[in-house]
C-alpha atoms as a PDB file:
ATOM      1  CA  MET A   1     -31.426  30.063  19.528  1.00  0.00           C
ATOM      2  CA  PHE A   2     -32.089  26.412  20.260  1.00  0.00           C
ATOM      3  CA  ASN A   3     -29.700  23.804  18.889  1.00  0.00           C
ATOM      4  CA  LEU A   4     -30.725  20.154  19.116  1.00  0.00           C
ATOM      5  CA  THR A   5     -28.247  17.444  18.171  1.00  0.00           C
ATOM      6  CA  TYR A   6     -28.276  13.681  18.170  1.00  0.00           C
ATOM      7  CA  GLU A   7     -25.338  11.345  18.572  1.00  0.00           C
ATOM      8  CA  PHE A   8     -25.290   7.739  17.420  1.00  0.00           C
ATOM      9  CA  LYS A   9     -22.628   5.092  17.805  1.00  0.00           C
ATOM     10  CA  LEU A  10     -22.076   3.075  14.666  1.00  0.00           C
ATOM     11  CA  LYS A  11     -21.531  -0.664  14.800  1.00  0.00           C
ATOM     12  CA  PRO A  12     -20.526  -1.405  11.214  1.00  0.00           C
ATOM     13  CA  THR A  13     -19.973  -4.862   9.838  1.00  0.00           C
ATOM     14  CA  ALA A  14     -16.546  -5.786   8.494  1.00  0.00           C
ATOM     15  CA  SER A  15     -17.632  -5.082   4.914  1.00  0.00           C
ATOM     16  CA  GLN A  16     -19.030  -1.687   5.927  1.00  0.00           C
ATOM     17  CA  VAL A  17     -15.738  -0.799   7.615  1.00  0.00           C
ATOM     18  CA  VAL A  18     -13.948  -1.503   4.341  1.00  0.00           C
ATOM     19  CA  LEU A  19     -16.384   0.737   2.451  1.00  0.00           C
ATOM     20  CA  PHE A  20     -16.029   3.546   5.004  1.00  0.00           C
ATOM     21  CA  GLU A  21     -12.242   3.371   4.768  1.00  0.00           C
ATOM     22  CA  GLU A  22     -12.382   3.500   0.959  1.00  0.00           C
ATOM     23  CA  TRP A  23     -14.686   6.538   1.039  1.00  0.00           C
ATOM     24  CA  LEU A  24     -12.511   8.327   3.581  1.00  0.00           C
ATOM     25  CA  GLU A  25      -9.434   7.673   1.453  1.00  0.00           C
ATOM     26  CA  ARG A  26     -11.174   9.110  -1.616  1.00  0.00           C
ATOM     27  CA  CYS A  27     -12.356  12.162   0.308  1.00  0.00           C
ATOM     28  CA  ARG A  28      -8.837  12.721   1.639  1.00  0.00           C
ATOM     29  CA  LYS A  29      -7.386  12.580  -1.876  1.00  0.00           C
ATOM     30  CA  VAL A  30      -9.983  15.017  -3.250  1.00  0.00           C
ATOM     31  CA  TYR A  31      -9.402  17.420  -0.351  1.00  0.00           C
ATOM     32  CA  ASN A  32      -5.624  17.303  -0.739  1.00  0.00           C
ATOM     33  CA  TYR A  33      -5.934  17.801  -4.505  1.00  0.00           C
ATOM     34  CA  ALA A  34      -8.134  20.845  -3.938  1.00  0.00           C
ATOM     35  CA  LEU A  35      -5.604  22.284  -1.495  1.00  0.00           C
ATOM     36  CA  ALA A  36      -2.819  21.826  -4.029  1.00  0.00           C
ATOM     37  CA  GLU A  37      -4.715  23.841  -6.676  1.00  0.00           C
END
């Protein structure tokens, strides 16, 4: 089996960092809610 992967370094702008942090916070809340069920 051959597994090929790529790795990229992100260089987000300040506004993109804010968006990423908001998305990660939402994902964390959804995950924790699902665990609590």
